[in-house]
Protein backbone atom coordinates (compact mmCIF):
# COMPACT_ATOMS: atom_id res chain seq x y z
CA MET A 1 11.41 -17.09 -10.07
CA GLU A 2 14.00 -16.76 -12.83
CA LYS A 3 14.59 -13.58 -14.81
CA PHE A 4 12.63 -13.30 -18.04
CA VAL A 5 14.62 -11.84 -20.94
CA ILE A 6 13.81 -11.46 -24.63
CA LYS A 7 16.21 -9.75 -27.04
CA GLU A 8 14.92 -6.84 -29.12
CA THR A 9 14.15 -7.45 -32.79
CA SER A 10 13.17 -5.04 -35.55
CA LYS A 11 9.50 -5.70 -34.64
CA THR A 12 9.50 -6.56 -30.95
CA PRO A 13 10.84 -4.81 -27.86
CA SER A 14 13.48 -6.11 -25.52
CA VAL A 15 12.01 -7.55 -22.35
CA ASN A 16 13.99 -7.60 -19.13
CA PHE A 17 11.99 -8.76 -16.11
CA ASP A 18 13.90 -9.19 -12.85
CA PRO A 19 11.44 -10.38 -10.21
CA GLU A 20 14.00 -10.46 -7.42
CA LEU A 21 14.65 -6.72 -7.82
CA GLY A 22 11.07 -5.96 -8.81
CA LEU A 23 12.36 -4.27 -11.98
CA PHE A 24 10.63 -4.78 -15.31
CA GLU A 25 11.51 -3.12 -18.61
CA LEU A 26 10.17 -3.04 -22.16
CA LYS A 27 12.23 -1.13 -24.72
CA GLY A 28 12.14 -0.63 -28.48
CA LYS A 29 9.46 -1.06 -31.13
CA SER A 30 6.32 -3.11 -30.67
CA ILE A 31 4.93 -3.99 -34.08
CA PRO A 32 4.78 -7.79 -33.94
CA GLU A 33 2.75 -9.64 -36.54
CA ASN A 34 1.09 -11.57 -33.70
CA SER A 35 0.83 -9.31 -30.66
CA THR A 36 -1.12 -11.90 -28.67
CA GLY A 37 1.60 -14.46 -29.32
CA PHE A 38 4.34 -12.06 -28.25
CA TYR A 39 2.64 -10.66 -25.14
CA GLY A 40 1.00 -13.91 -23.97
CA PRO A 41 4.14 -15.25 -22.23
CA LEU A 42 4.66 -11.85 -20.57
CA PHE A 43 1.12 -12.02 -19.15
CA GLU A 44 1.75 -15.52 -17.81
CA TYR A 45 5.02 -14.42 -16.23
CA ILE A 46 3.40 -11.42 -14.49
CA GLU A 47 0.56 -13.63 -13.25
CA GLY A 48 3.16 -15.88 -11.61
CA TYR A 49 5.05 -12.90 -10.22
CA SER A 50 1.87 -11.38 -8.79
CA SER A 51 1.49 -14.19 -6.25
CA ARG A 52 4.74 -13.09 -4.53
CA PRO A 53 5.74 -9.61 -5.74
CA ALA A 54 8.84 -7.78 -4.54
CA GLU A 55 8.47 -5.10 -1.89
CA ARG A 56 8.48 -2.51 -4.72
CA THR A 57 7.67 -3.18 -8.35
CA VAL A 58 8.71 -0.77 -11.11
CA LEU A 59 7.85 -1.16 -14.79
CA ASN A 60 9.92 1.03 -17.13
CA VAL A 61 8.42 1.36 -20.61
CA LYS A 62 10.60 2.89 -23.34
CA PHE A 63 8.82 2.43 -26.66
CA GLU A 64 9.98 4.14 -29.82
CA PHE A 65 6.74 3.12 -31.51
CA PHE A 66 3.89 0.63 -31.15
CA ASN A 67 0.99 -0.39 -33.35
CA THR A 68 -2.71 -0.64 -32.54
CA SER A 69 -2.73 -4.35 -31.74
CA SER A 70 0.23 -3.82 -29.40
CA SER A 71 -1.64 -0.98 -27.71
CA ASN A 72 -4.33 -3.40 -26.59
CA ARG A 73 -1.73 -5.86 -25.27
CA ILE A 74 0.24 -3.09 -23.54
CA HIS A 75 -2.93 -1.96 -21.78
CA ALA A 76 -3.64 -5.55 -20.74
CA LEU A 77 -0.10 -5.80 -19.36
CA PHE A 78 -0.54 -2.57 -17.40
CA LYS A 79 -3.80 -3.93 -15.97
CA ARG A 80 -1.87 -6.87 -14.54
CA PHE A 81 0.50 -4.47 -12.76
CA GLU A 82 -2.54 -2.49 -11.62
CA ARG A 83 -4.01 -5.63 -10.01
CA ILE A 84 -0.77 -6.09 -8.04
CA TYR A 85 -1.02 -2.47 -6.91
CA LEU A 86 -4.67 -2.82 -5.88
CA ARG A 87 -3.64 -5.64 -3.54
CA ASN A 88 -1.74 -3.05 -1.49
CA SER A 89 1.64 -3.51 -3.17
CA ASP A 90 4.02 -0.67 -4.06
CA VAL A 91 3.89 -0.47 -7.87
CA LEU A 92 5.00 2.26 -10.26
CA ILE A 93 4.79 2.42 -14.06
CA ARG A 94 7.22 4.81 -15.74
CA TRP A 95 6.42 5.74 -19.36
CA TYR A 96 9.48 7.20 -21.10
CA CYS A 97 9.23 9.25 -24.27
CA GLU A 98 11.57 11.55 -26.13
CA ASN A 99 11.21 15.31 -25.73
CA GLY A 100 8.94 16.59 -28.45
CA ASP A 101 7.38 13.20 -29.28
CA GLU A 102 3.80 14.28 -28.72
CA ASN A 103 2.33 11.01 -29.98
CA MET A 104 4.17 8.91 -27.41
CA ARG A 105 3.57 11.44 -24.63
CA ASP A 106 -0.16 11.47 -25.45
CA ALA A 107 -0.23 7.68 -25.54
CA GLY A 108 1.29 7.69 -22.04
CA LYS A 109 -1.36 10.17 -20.88
CA ASP A 110 -4.09 7.96 -22.33
CA PHE A 111 -2.79 4.86 -20.55
CA LYS A 112 -2.41 6.82 -17.31
CA ALA A 113 -6.03 8.00 -17.50
CA MET A 114 -7.28 4.41 -17.83
CA LEU A 115 -5.40 3.05 -14.82
CA GLN A 116 -5.49 3.26 -11.04
CA VAL A 117 -1.77 2.63 -10.54
CA PRO A 118 0.93 5.28 -9.98
CA PHE A 119 2.07 6.24 -13.48
CA GLU A 120 4.81 8.71 -14.37
CA ILE A 121 5.48 10.17 -17.81
CA ILE A 122 9.16 10.99 -18.16
CA GLU A 123 10.51 12.95 -21.12
CA VAL A 124 14.14 12.32 -22.01
CA GLU A 125 16.53 13.54 -24.70
CA GLU A 126 16.96 10.09 -26.19
CA LEU A 127 15.56 6.63 -25.47
């Protein structure tokens, strides 16, 4: 499987999926006008990856901000990683937020509560 990379825009996050290393990253803002259109290809890619995941899979999420429609798509993406985990694979989701950003920290806590996959919330000085 080839890497899957999308450059960040003012409305969409950067996407850097490296299946060989099992490293996946989303970073930036997620306020696309069509969240289903943006996240659809990511879902398809993860579905393909899930048939032969790496020994360890890590998803690093570093959002500055996301809108409500993105929230639904982000949750759906996390559920795909959760399915990989529930098939006895080593999967970890890391939710990064800036120190003092209670909204993003709480969003991470909400996602964590809805999932059955190892999920860490990591506060950093700057994303």
